[in-house]
């Protein structure tokens, strides 16, 4: 049985610290409620691991970025995806994979 996906990014809801957005290396985002110990929603829209998450209280959205050079905007009301944009790289530049080291406990 393969190991579960690893967490790559974490963001706390600005108005309710019991709600956490958790970016995963399997390209999903889990909306987790700490108080009831439950995944409330699983957001799918990226094709590679999540590299960043940020809540906007003013716009009432969650913004996510992924290793797929994609930025997604999710509504906090129902967690529906509102927009997707791909990041345009300057001419001659390419995406390079980021290597992650693993800590070994002794």
PDB file of N, CA and C in Angstrom:
ATOM      1  N   UNK A   1       0.843  -1.174   0.000  1.00  0.00           N
ATOM      2  CA  UNK A   1       0.000   0.000   0.000  1.00  0.00           C
ATOM      3  C   UNK A   1       0.894   1.245   0.000  1.00  0.00           C
ATOM      4  N   UNK A   2       0.691   2.191  -0.939  1.00  0.00           N
ATOM      5  CA  UNK A   2       1.553   3.375  -0.989  1.00  0.00           C
ATOM      6  C   UNK A   2       1.285   4.305   0.194  1.00  0.00           C
ATOM      7  N   UNK A   3       2.297   5.088   0.567  1.00  0.00           N
ATOM      8  CA  UNK A   3       2.101   6.036   1.671  1.00  0.00           C
ATOM      9  C   UNK A   3       1.102   7.123   1.268  1.00  0.00           C
ATOM     10  N   UNK A   4       0.438   7.741   2.253  1.00  0.00           N
ATOM     11  CA  UNK A   4      -0.494   8.829   1.929  1.00  0.00           C
ATOM     12  C   UNK A   4       0.267  10.027   1.378  1.00  0.00           C
ATOM     13  N   UNK A   5      -0.422  10.914   0.629  1.00  0.00           N
ATOM     14  CA  UNK A   5       0.263  12.095   0.095  1.00  0.00           C
ATOM     15  C   UNK A   5       0.806  12.983   1.212  1.00  0.00           C
ATOM     16  N   UNK A   6       1.923  13.610   0.936  1.00  0.00           N
ATOM     17  CA  UNK A   6       2.563  14.491   1.917  1.00  0.00           C
ATOM     18  C   UNK A   6       1.996  15.901   1.811  1.00  0.00           C
ATOM     19  N   UNK A   7       1.996  16.614   2.934  1.00  0.00           N
ATOM     20  CA  UNK A   7       1.583  18.016   2.975  1.00  0.00           C
ATOM     21  C   UNK A   7       2.708  18.879   2.414  1.00  0.00           C
ATOM     22  N   UNK A   8       2.354  19.810   1.530  1.00  0.00           N
ATOM     23  CA  UNK A   8       3.351  20.703   0.945  1.00  0.00           C
ATOM     24  C   UNK A   8       3.167  22.162   1.349  1.00  0.00           C
ATOM     25  N   UNK A   9       1.963  22.527   1.789  1.00  0.00           N
ATOM     26  CA  UNK A   9       1.698  23.909   2.181  1.00  0.00           C
ATOM     27  C   UNK A   9       0.495  23.948   3.115  1.00  0.00           C
ATOM     28  N   UNK A  10       0.431  24.961   3.977  1.00  0.00           N
ATOM     29  CA  UNK A  10      -0.622  25.075   4.979  1.00  0.00           C
ATOM     30  C   UNK A  10      -1.012  26.535   5.148  1.00  0.00           C
ATOM     31  N   UNK A  11      -2.324  26.809   5.251  1.00  0.00           N
ATOM     32  CA  UNK A  11      -2.791  28.183   5.491  1.00  0.00           C
ATOM     33  C   UNK A  11      -4.001  28.141   6.410  1.00  0.00           C
ATOM     34  N   UNK A  12      -4.036  29.039   7.395  1.00  0.00           N
ATOM     35  CA  UNK A  12      -5.165  29.146   8.316  1.00  0.00           C
ATOM     36  C   UNK A  12      -6.178  30.152   7.791  1.00  0.00           C
ATOM     37  N   UNK A  13      -7.449  29.829   7.919  1.00  0.00           N
ATOM     38  CA  UNK A  13      -8.535  30.734   7.535  1.00  0.00           C
ATOM     39  C   UNK A  13      -8.416  32.003   8.374  1.00  0.00           C
ATOM     40  N   UNK A  14      -8.524  33.182   7.772  1.00  0.00           N
ATOM     41  CA  UNK A  14      -8.299  34.432   8.524  1.00  0.00           C
ATOM     42  C   UNK A  14      -9.363  34.736   9.575  1.00  0.00           C
ATOM     43  N   UNK A  15     -10.546  34.175   9.457  1.00  0.00           N
ATOM     44  CA  UNK A  15     -11.606  34.464  10.419  1.00  0.00           C
ATOM     45  C   UNK A  15     -11.920  33.296  11.348  1.00  0.00           C
ATOM     46  N   UNK A  16     -11.423  32.117  11.024  1.00  0.00           N
ATOM     47  CA  UNK A  16     -11.718  30.935  11.832  1.00  0.00           C
ATOM     48  C   UNK A  16     -10.489  30.032  11.836  1.00  0.00           C
ATOM     49  N   UNK A  17      -9.691  30.111  12.904  1.00  0.00           N
ATOM     50  CA  UNK A  17      -8.468  29.315  12.981  1.00  0.00           C
ATOM     51  C   UNK A  17      -8.729  27.823  13.101  1.00  0.00           C
ATOM     52  N   UNK A  18      -9.979  27.410  13.178  1.00  0.00           N
ATOM     53  CA  UNK A  18     -10.302  25.991  13.167  1.00  0.00           C
ATOM     54  C   UNK A  18     -10.310  25.433  11.748  1.00  0.00           C
ATOM     55  N   UNK A  19     -10.320  26.308  10.744  1.00  0.00           N
ATOM     56  CA  UNK A  19     -10.325  25.883   9.344  1.00  0.00           C
ATOM     57  C   UNK A  19      -8.925  26.069   8.766  1.00  0.00           C
ATOM     58  N   UNK A  20      -8.387  24.982   8.202  1.00  0.00           N
ATOM     59  CA  UNK A  20      -7.053  25.001   7.618  1.00  0.00           C
ATOM     60  C   UNK A  20      -7.138  24.486   6.185  1.00  0.00           C
ATOM     61  N   UNK A  21      -6.462  25.177   5.273  1.00  0.00           N
ATOM     62  CA  UNK A  21      -6.294  24.681   3.902  1.00  0.00           C
ATOM     63  C   UNK A  21      -4.944  23.976   3.867  1.00  0.00           C
ATOM     64  N   UNK A  22      -4.944  22.727   3.396  1.00  0.00           N
ATOM     65  CA  UNK A  22      -3.732  21.919   3.377  1.00  0.00           C
ATOM     66  C   UNK A  22      -3.432  21.523   1.933  1.00  0.00           C
ATOM     67  N   UNK A  23      -2.323  22.022   1.400  1.00  0.00           N
ATOM     68  CA  UNK A  23      -1.887  21.645   0.060  1.00  0.00           C
ATOM     69  C   UNK A  23      -1.134  20.331   0.121  1.00  0.00           C
ATOM     70  N   UNK A  24      -1.364  19.487  -0.878  1.00  0.00           N
ATOM     71  CA  UNK A  24      -0.778  18.149  -0.868  1.00  0.00           C
ATOM     72  C   UNK A  24       0.113  17.928  -2.093  1.00  0.00           C
ATOM     73  N   UNK A  25       1.027  16.963  -1.987  1.00  0.00           N
ATOM     74  CA  UNK A  25       1.890  16.673  -3.134  1.00  0.00           C
ATOM     75  C   UNK A  25       1.176  15.866  -4.213  1.00  0.00           C
ATOM     76  N   UNK A  26      -0.068  15.436  -3.966  1.00  0.00           N
ATOM     77  CA  UNK A  26      -0.850  14.759  -5.008  1.00  0.00           C
ATOM     78  C   UNK A  26      -1.717  15.740  -5.796  1.00  0.00           C
ATOM     79  N   UNK A  27      -1.489  17.043  -5.625  1.00  0.00           N
ATOM     80  CA  UNK A  27      -2.137  18.155  -6.333  1.00  0.00           C
ATOM     81  C   UNK A  27      -3.492  18.553  -5.769  1.00  0.00           C
ATOM     82  N   UNK A  28      -3.919  17.972  -4.665  1.00  0.00           N
ATOM     83  CA  UNK A  28      -5.205  18.336  -4.073  1.00  0.00           C
ATOM     84  C   UNK A  28      -5.014  19.325  -2.921  1.00  0.00           C
ATOM     85  N   UNK A  29      -6.121  19.959  -2.551  1.00  0.00           N
ATOM     86  CA  UNK A  29      -6.154  20.846  -1.387  1.00  0.00           C
ATOM     87  C   UNK A  29      -7.261  20.333  -0.490  1.00  0.00           C
ATOM     88  N   UNK A  30      -6.925  20.055   0.762  1.00  0.00           N
ATOM     89  CA  UNK A  30      -7.929  19.597   1.717  1.00  0.00           C
ATOM     90  C   UNK A  30      -8.313  20.753   2.624  1.00  0.00           C
ATOM     91  N   UNK A  31      -9.614  20.969   2.758  1.00  0.00           N
ATOM     92  CA  UNK A  31     -10.121  21.965   3.702  1.00  0.00           C
ATOM     93  C   UNK A  31     -10.502  21.193   4.961  1.00  0.00           C
ATOM     94  N   UNK A  32      -9.740  21.442   6.016  1.00  0.00           N
ATOM     95  CA  UNK A  32      -9.835  20.632   7.229  1.00  0.00           C
ATOM     96  C   UNK A  32     -10.370  21.472   8.386  1.00  0.00           C
ATOM     97  N   UNK A  33     -11.327  20.915   9.127  1.00  0.00           N
ATOM     98  CA  UNK A  33     -11.864  21.562  10.323  1.00  0.00           C
ATOM     99  C   UNK A  33     -11.247  20.882  11.541  1.00  0.00           C
ATOM    100  N   UNK A  34     -10.373  21.594  12.248  1.00  0.00           N
ATOM    101  CA  UNK A  34      -9.666  21.059  13.401  1.00  0.00           C
ATOM    102  C   UNK A  34     -10.639  20.716  14.530  1.00  0.00           C
ATOM    103  N   UNK A  35     -11.642  21.563  14.731  1.00  0.00           N
ATOM    104  CA  UNK A  35     -12.574  21.396  15.844  1.00  0.00           C
ATOM    105  C   UNK A  35     -13.290  20.048  15.792  1.00  0.00           C
ATOM    106  N   UNK A  36     -13.712  19.630  14.609  1.00  0.00           N
ATOM    107  CA  UNK A  36     -14.452  18.371  14.490  1.00  0.00           C
ATOM    108  C   UNK A  36     -13.605  17.250  13.874  1.00  0.00           C
ATOM    109  N   UNK A  37     -12.298  17.535  13.617  1.00  0.00           N
ATOM    110  CA  UNK A  37     -11.369  16.547  13.068  1.00  0.00           C
ATOM    111  C   UNK A  37     -11.924  15.905  11.802  1.00  0.00           C
ATOM    112  N   UNK A  38     -12.223  16.789  10.803  1.00  0.00           N
ATOM    113  CA  UNK A  38     -12.858  16.301   9.586  1.00  0.00           C
ATOM    114  C   UNK A  38     -12.416  17.106   8.366  1.00  0.00           C
ATOM    115  N   UNK A  39     -12.184  16.395   7.253  1.00  0.00           N
ATOM    116  CA  UNK A  39     -11.931  17.063   5.981  1.00  0.00           C
ATOM    117  C   UNK A  39     -13.286  17.485   5.438  1.00  0.00           C
ATOM    118  N   UNK A  40     -13.503  18.803   5.340  1.00  0.00           N
ATOM    119  CA  UNK A  40     -14.802  19.340   4.903  1.00  0.00           C
ATOM    120  C   UNK A  40     -14.940  19.333   3.388  1.00  0.00           C
ATOM    121  N   UNK A  41     -13.808  19.491   2.692  1.00  0.00           N
ATOM    122  CA  UNK A  41     -13.849  19.538   1.232  1.00  0.00           C
ATOM    123  C   UNK A  41     -12.479  19.156   0.692  1.00  0.00           C
ATOM    124  N   UNK A  42     -12.462  18.581  -0.508  1.00  0.00           N
ATOM    125  CA  UNK A  42     -11.218  18.249  -1.180  1.00  0.00           C
ATOM    126  C   UNK A  42     -11.258  18.928  -2.541  1.00  0.00           C
ATOM    127  N   UNK A  43     -10.373  19.904  -2.743  1.00  0.00           N
ATOM    128  CA  UNK A  43     -10.374  20.709  -3.960  1.00  0.00           C
ATOM    129  C   UNK A  43      -9.418  20.110  -4.978  1.00  0.00           C
ATOM    130  N   UNK A  44      -9.910  19.969  -6.205  1.00  0.00           N
ATOM    131  CA  UNK A  44      -9.099  19.425  -7.294  1.00  0.00           C
ATOM    132  C   UNK A  44      -9.105  20.413  -8.446  1.00  0.00           C
ATOM    133  N   UNK A  45      -7.919  20.798  -8.894  1.00  0.00           N
ATOM    134  CA  UNK A  45      -7.819  21.752  -9.998  1.00  0.00           C
ATOM    135  C   UNK A  45      -6.402  21.867 -10.523  1.00  0.00           C
ATOM    136  N   UNK A  46      -5.443  21.410  -9.726  1.00  0.00           N
ATOM    137  CA  UNK A  46      -4.043  21.421 -10.146  1.00  0.00           C
ATOM    138  C   UNK A  46      -3.663  20.043 -10.684  1.00  0.00           C
ATOM    139  N   UNK A  47      -2.574  19.996 -11.457  1.00  0.00           N
ATOM    140  CA  UNK A  47      -2.112  18.712 -11.975  1.00  0.00           C
ATOM    141  C   UNK A  47      -0.796  18.271 -11.345  1.00  0.00           C
ATOM    142  N   UNK A  48      -0.180  19.167 -10.547  1.00  0.00           N
ATOM    143  CA  UNK A  48       1.054  18.836  -9.826  1.00  0.00           C
ATOM    144  C   UNK A  48       0.932  19.364  -8.401  1.00  0.00           C
ATOM    145  N   UNK A  49       1.945  19.101  -7.585  1.00  0.00           N
ATOM    146  CA  UNK A  49       1.884  19.431  -6.154  1.00  0.00           C
ATOM    147  C   UNK A  49       1.563  20.907  -5.897  1.00  0.00           C
ATOM    148  N   UNK A  50       0.943  21.168  -4.766  1.00  0.00           N
ATOM    149  CA  UNK A  50       0.590  22.525  -4.354  1.00  0.00           C
ATOM    150  C   UNK A  50       1.838  23.200  -3.790  1.00  0.00           C
ATOM    151  N   UNK A  51       2.123  24.428  -4.261  1.00  0.00           N
ATOM    152  CA  UNK A  51       3.316  25.158  -3.823  1.00  0.00           C
ATOM    153  C   UNK A  51       2.996  26.378  -2.967  1.00  0.00           C
ATOM    154  N   UNK A  52       1.727  26.790  -2.908  1.00  0.00           N
ATOM    155  CA  UNK A  52       1.370  27.942  -2.094  1.00  0.00           C
ATOM    156  C   UNK A  52      -0.130  28.059  -1.900  1.00  0.00           C
ATOM    157  N   UNK A  53      -0.526  28.619  -0.760  1.00  0.00           N
ATOM    158  CA  UNK A  53      -1.932  28.867  -0.431  1.00  0.00           C
ATOM    159  C   UNK A  53      -2.021  30.195   0.315  1.00  0.00           C
ATOM    160  N   UNK A  54      -3.052  30.976   0.024  1.00  0.00           N
ATOM    161  CA  UNK A  54      -3.279  32.233   0.745  1.00  0.00           C
ATOM    162  C   UNK A  54      -4.766  32.544   0.747  1.00  0.00           C
ATOM    163  N   UNK A  55      -5.284  32.903   1.914  1.00  0.00           N
ATOM    164  CA  UNK A  55      -6.667  33.342   2.042  1.00  0.00           C
ATOM    165  C   UNK A  55      -6.730  34.851   1.871  1.00  0.00           C
ATOM    166  N   UNK A  56      -7.811  35.344   1.261  1.00  0.00           N
ATOM    167  CA  UNK A  56      -8.087  36.771   1.213  1.00  0.00           C
ATOM    168  C   UNK A  56      -9.434  37.008   1.878  1.00  0.00           C
ATOM    169  N   UNK A  57      -9.404  37.658   3.028  1.00  0.00           N
ATOM    170  CA  UNK A  57     -10.636  37.996   3.738  1.00  0.00           C
ATOM    171  C   UNK A  57     -11.437  39.035   2.946  1.00  0.00           C
ATOM    172  N   UNK A  58     -10.742  39.982   2.329  1.00  0.00           N
ATOM    173  CA  UNK A  58     -11.395  41.051   1.574  1.00  0.00           C
ATOM    174  C   UNK A  58     -12.149  40.496   0.362  1.00  0.00           C
ATOM    175  N   UNK A  59     -11.520  39.582  -0.382  1.00  0.00           N
ATOM    176  CA  UNK A  59     -12.137  39.025  -1.587  1.00  0.00           C
ATOM    177  C   UNK A  59     -12.936  37.751  -1.321  1.00  0.00           C
ATOM    178  N   UNK A  60     -12.835  37.210  -0.088  1.00  0.00           N
ATOM    179  CA  UNK A  60     -13.546  35.996   0.305  1.00  0.00           C
ATOM    180  C   UNK A  60     -13.154  34.812  -0.582  1.00  0.00           C
ATOM    181  N   UNK A  61     -11.830  34.640  -0.792  1.00  0.00           N
ATOM    182  CA  UNK A  61     -11.313  33.575  -1.645  1.00  0.00           C
ATOM    183  C   UNK A  61     -10.081  32.921  -1.020  1.00  0.00           C
ATOM    184  N   UNK A  62      -9.762  31.738  -1.533  1.00  0.00           N
ATOM    185  CA  UNK A  62      -8.501  31.057  -1.287  1.00  0.00           C
ATOM    186  C   UNK A  62      -7.775  31.031  -2.625  1.00  0.00           C
ATOM    187  N   UNK A  63      -6.498  31.421  -2.628  1.00  0.00           N
ATOM    188  CA  UNK A  63      -5.692  31.385  -3.844  1.00  0.00           C
ATOM    189  C   UNK A  63      -4.659  30.280  -3.672  1.00  0.00           C
ATOM    190  N   UNK A  64      -4.535  29.441  -4.705  1.00  0.00           N
ATOM    191  CA  UNK A  64      -3.562  28.353  -4.653  1.00  0.00           C
ATOM    192  C   UNK A  64      -2.629  28.439  -5.854  1.00  0.00           C
ATOM    193  N   UNK A  65      -1.384  28.000  -5.628  1.00  0.00           N
ATOM    194  CA  UNK A  65      -0.426  27.888  -6.725  1.00  0.00           C
ATOM    195  C   UNK A  65       0.121  26.473  -6.724  1.00  0.00           C
ATOM    196  N   UNK A  66       0.501  26.016  -7.910  1.00  0.00           N
ATOM    197  CA  UNK A  66       1.001  24.655  -8.022  1.00  0.00           C
ATOM    198  C   UNK A  66       2.261  24.575  -8.848  1.00  0.00           C
ATOM    199  N   UNK A  67       2.935  23.433  -8.763  1.00  0.00           N
ATOM    200  CA  UNK A  67       4.134  23.186  -9.553  1.00  0.00           C
ATOM    201  C   UNK A  67       3.798  23.046 -11.028  1.00  0.00           C
ATOM    202  N   UNK A  68       2.511  23.079 -11.362  1.00  0.00           N
ATOM    203  CA  UNK A  68       2.055  23.041 -12.757  1.00  0.00           C
ATOM    204  C   UNK A  68       1.999  24.433 -13.374  1.00  0.00           C
ATOM    205  N   UNK A  69       2.564  25.456 -12.682  1.00  0.00           N
ATOM    206  CA  UNK A  69       2.580  26.853 -13.131  1.00  0.00           C
ATOM    207  C   UNK A  69       1.173  27.422 -13.242  1.00  0.00           C
ATOM    208  N   UNK A  70       0.282  26.944 -12.382  1.00  0.00           N
ATOM    209  CA  UNK A  70      -1.117  27.360 -12.405  1.00  0.00           C
ATOM    210  C   UNK A  70      -1.474  28.067 -11.092  1.00  0.00           C
ATOM    211  N   UNK A  71      -2.288  29.100 -11.202  1.00  0.00           N
ATOM    212  CA  UNK A  71      -2.835  29.782 -10.030  1.00  0.00           C
ATOM    213  C   UNK A  71      -4.347  29.635 -10.102  1.00  0.00           C
ATOM    214  N   UNK A  72      -4.952  29.174  -8.995  1.00  0.00           N
ATOM    215  CA  UNK A  72      -6.405  28.978  -8.940  1.00  0.00           C
ATOM    216  C   UNK A  72      -6.991  29.847  -7.843  1.00  0.00           C
ATOM    217  N   UNK A  73      -8.205  30.342  -8.082  1.00  0.00           N
ATOM    218  CA  UNK A  73      -8.939  31.139  -7.111  1.00  0.00           C
ATOM    219  C   UNK A  73     -10.203  30.364  -6.752  1.00  0.00           C
ATOM    220  N   UNK A  74     -10.395  30.111  -5.449  1.00  0.00           N
ATOM    221  CA  UNK A  74     -11.508  29.311  -4.945  1.00  0.00           C
ATOM    222  C   UNK A  74     -12.396  30.174  -4.048  1.00  0.00           C
ATOM    223  N   UNK A  75     -13.694  30.093  -4.231  1.00  0.00           N
ATOM    224  CA  UNK A  75     -14.640  30.820  -3.390  1.00  0.00           C
ATOM    225  C   UNK A  75     -14.703  30.158  -2.015  1.00  0.00           C
ATOM    226  N   UNK A  76     -14.718  30.959  -0.956  1.00  0.00           N
ATOM    227  CA  UNK A  76     -14.857  30.410   0.390  1.00  0.00           C
ATOM    228  C   UNK A  76     -16.288  29.953   0.662  1.00  0.00           C
ATOM    229  N   UNK A  77     -17.226  30.384  -0.160  1.00  0.00           N
ATOM    230  CA  UNK A  77     -18.622  29.947  -0.048  1.00  0.00           C
ATOM    231  C   UNK A  77     -18.832  28.757  -0.967  1.00  0.00           C
ATOM    232  N   UNK A  78     -18.689  27.557  -0.438  1.00  0.00           N
ATOM    233  CA  UNK A  78     -18.896  26.358  -1.233  1.00  0.00           C
ATOM    234  C   UNK A  78     -17.642  25.784  -1.854  1.00  0.00           C
ATOM    235  N   UNK A  79     -16.501  26.481  -1.736  1.00  0.00           N
ATOM    236  CA  UNK A  79     -15.211  26.005  -2.224  1.00  0.00           C
ATOM    237  C   UNK A  79     -15.215  25.698  -3.719  1.00  0.00           C
ATOM    238  N   UNK A  80     -15.959  26.475  -4.491  1.00  0.00           N
ATOM    239  CA  UNK A  80     -16.000  26.315  -5.942  1.00  0.00           C
ATOM    240  C   UNK A  80     -14.821  27.062  -6.573  1.00  0.00           C
ATOM    241  N   UNK A  81     -14.239  26.480  -7.617  1.00  0.00           N
ATOM    242  CA  UNK A  81     -13.152  27.158  -8.323  1.00  0.00           C
ATOM    243  C   UNK A  81     -13.745  28.279  -9.168  1.00  0.00           C
ATOM    244  N   UNK A  82     -13.214  29.508  -9.007  1.00  0.00           N
ATOM    245  CA  UNK A  82     -13.709  30.670  -9.737  1.00  0.00           C
ATOM    246  C   UNK A  82     -12.879  30.967 -10.978  1.00  0.00           C
ATOM    247  N   UNK A  83     -11.555  30.871 -10.853  1.00  0.00           N
ATOM    248  CA  UNK A  83     -10.675  31.211 -11.969  1.00  0.00           C
ATOM    249  C   UNK A  83      -9.425  30.355 -11.926  1.00  0.00           C
ATOM    250  N   UNK A  84      -8.815  30.196 -13.091  1.00  0.00           N
ATOM    251  CA  UNK A  84      -7.528  29.523 -13.230  1.00  0.00           C
ATOM    252  C   UNK A  84      -6.700  30.306 -14.236  1.00  0.00           C
ATOM    253  N   UNK A  85      -5.455  30.519 -13.906  1.00  0.00           N
ATOM    254  CA  UNK A  85      -4.528  31.179 -14.815  1.00  0.00           C
ATOM    255  C   UNK A  85      -3.202  30.441 -14.781  1.00  0.00           C
ATOM    256  N   UNK A  86      -2.556  30.355 -15.944  1.00  0.00           N
ATOM    257  CA  UNK A  86      -1.216  29.785 -16.009  1.00  0.00           C
ATOM    258  C   UNK A  86      -0.207  30.914 -15.973  1.00  0.00           C
ATOM    259  N   UNK A  87       0.874  30.709 -15.246  1.00  0.00           N
ATOM    260  CA  UNK A  87       1.947  31.680 -15.152  1.00  0.00           C
ATOM    261  C   UNK A  87       2.761  31.600 -16.435  1.00  0.00           C
ATOM    262  N   UNK A  88       2.991  32.739 -17.057  1.00  0.00           N
ATOM    263  CA  UNK A  88       3.794  32.799 -18.275  1.00  0.00           C
ATOM    264  C   UNK A  88       5.254  33.038 -17.889  1.00  0.00           C
ATOM    265  N   UNK A  89       6.117  32.131 -18.303  1.00  0.00           N
ATOM    266  CA  UNK A  89       7.539  32.278 -18.019  1.00  0.00           C
ATOM    267  C   UNK A  89       8.184  33.171 -19.072  1.00  0.00           C
ATOM    268  N   UNK A  90       9.201  33.934 -18.692  1.00  0.00           N
ATOM    269  CA  UNK A  90       9.923  34.746 -19.680  1.00  0.00           C
ATOM    270  C   UNK A  90      10.541  33.848 -20.746  1.00  0.00           C
ATOM    271  N   UNK A  91      10.720  34.364 -21.967  1.00  0.00           N
ATOM    272  CA  UNK A  91      11.336  33.568 -23.033  1.00  0.00           C
ATOM    273  C   UNK A  91      12.695  33.019 -22.600  1.00  0.00           C
ATOM    274  N   UNK A  92      12.930  31.757 -22.920  1.00  0.00           N
ATOM    275  CA  UNK A  92      14.195  31.126 -22.582  1.00  0.00           C
ATOM    276  C   UNK A  92      14.249  30.500 -21.200  1.00  0.00           C
ATOM    277  N   UNK A  93      13.243  30.736 -20.372  1.00  0.00           N
ATOM    278  CA  UNK A  93      13.208  30.170 -19.015  1.00  0.00           C
ATOM    279  C   UNK A  93      12.337  28.923 -19.014  1.00  0.00           C
ATOM    280  N   UNK A  94      12.704  27.956 -18.201  1.00  0.00           N
ATOM    281  CA  UNK A  94      11.908  26.746 -18.046  1.00  0.00           C
ATOM    282  C   UNK A  94      11.709  26.470 -16.567  1.00  0.00           C
ATOM    283  N   UNK A  95      10.662  25.704 -16.252  1.00  0.00           N
ATOM    284  CA  UNK A  95      10.441  25.280 -14.875  1.00  0.00           C
ATOM    285  C   UNK A  95      11.436  24.190 -14.536  1.00  0.00           C
ATOM    286  N   UNK A  96      12.072  24.304 -13.384  1.00  0.00           N
ATOM    287  CA  UNK A  96      12.967  23.247 -12.940  1.00  0.00           C
ATOM    288  C   UNK A  96      12.361  22.601 -11.705  1.00  0.00           C
ATOM    289  N   UNK A  97      12.469  21.289 -11.605  1.00  0.00           N
ATOM    290  CA  UNK A  97      11.888  20.613 -10.450  1.00  0.00           C
ATOM    291  C   UNK A  97      12.610  20.999  -9.170  1.00  0.00           C
ATOM    292  N   UNK A  98      11.868  21.101  -8.092  1.00  0.00           N
ATOM    293  CA  UNK A  98      12.447  21.391  -6.779  1.00  0.00           C
ATOM    294  C   UNK A  98      12.636  20.067  -6.067  1.00  0.00           C
ATOM    295  N   UNK A  99      13.811  19.854  -5.597  1.00  0.00           N
ATOM    296  CA  UNK A  99      14.118  18.605  -4.900  1.00  0.00           C
ATOM    297  C   UNK A  99      13.893  18.808  -3.405  1.00  0.00           C
ATOM    298  N   UNK A 100      13.216  17.867  -2.775  1.00  0.00           N
ATOM    299  CA  UNK A 100      12.963  17.938  -1.329  1.00  0.00           C
ATOM    300  C   UNK A 100      13.812  16.911  -0.611  1.00  0.00           C
ATOM    301  N   UNK A 101      14.516  17.363   0.414  1.00  0.00           N
ATOM    302  CA  UNK A 101      15.268  16.438   1.254  1.00  0.00           C
ATOM    303  C   UNK A 101      14.346  15.867   2.319  1.00  0.00           C
ATOM    304  N   UNK A 102      14.663  14.725   2.810  1.00  0.00           N
ATOM    305  CA  UNK A 102      13.856  14.088   3.844  1.00  0.00           C
ATOM    306  C   UNK A 102      14.697  14.017   5.116  1.00  0.00           C
ATOM    307  N   UNK A 103      14.090  14.447   6.207  1.00  0.00           N
ATOM    308  CA  UNK A 103      14.774  14.374   7.496  1.00  0.00           C
ATOM    309  C   UNK A 103      14.712  12.936   8.009  1.00  0.00           C
ATOM    310  N   UNK A 104      15.791  12.488   8.550  1.00  0.00           N
ATOM    311  CA  UNK A 104      15.834  11.136   9.105  1.00  0.00           C
ATOM    312  C   UNK A 104      16.037  11.259  10.604  1.00  0.00           C
ATOM    313  N   UNK A 105      15.139  10.666  11.356  1.00  0.00           N
ATOM    314  CA  UNK A 105      15.282  10.720  12.808  1.00  0.00           C
ATOM    315  C   UNK A 105      16.114   9.534  13.269  1.00  0.00           C
ATOM    316  N   UNK A 106      16.920   9.782  14.253  1.00  0.00           N
ATOM    317  CA  UNK A 106      17.756   8.682  14.743  1.00  0.00           C
ATOM    318  C   UNK A 106      17.307   8.259  16.109  1.00  0.00           C
TER     319      UNK A 106
END
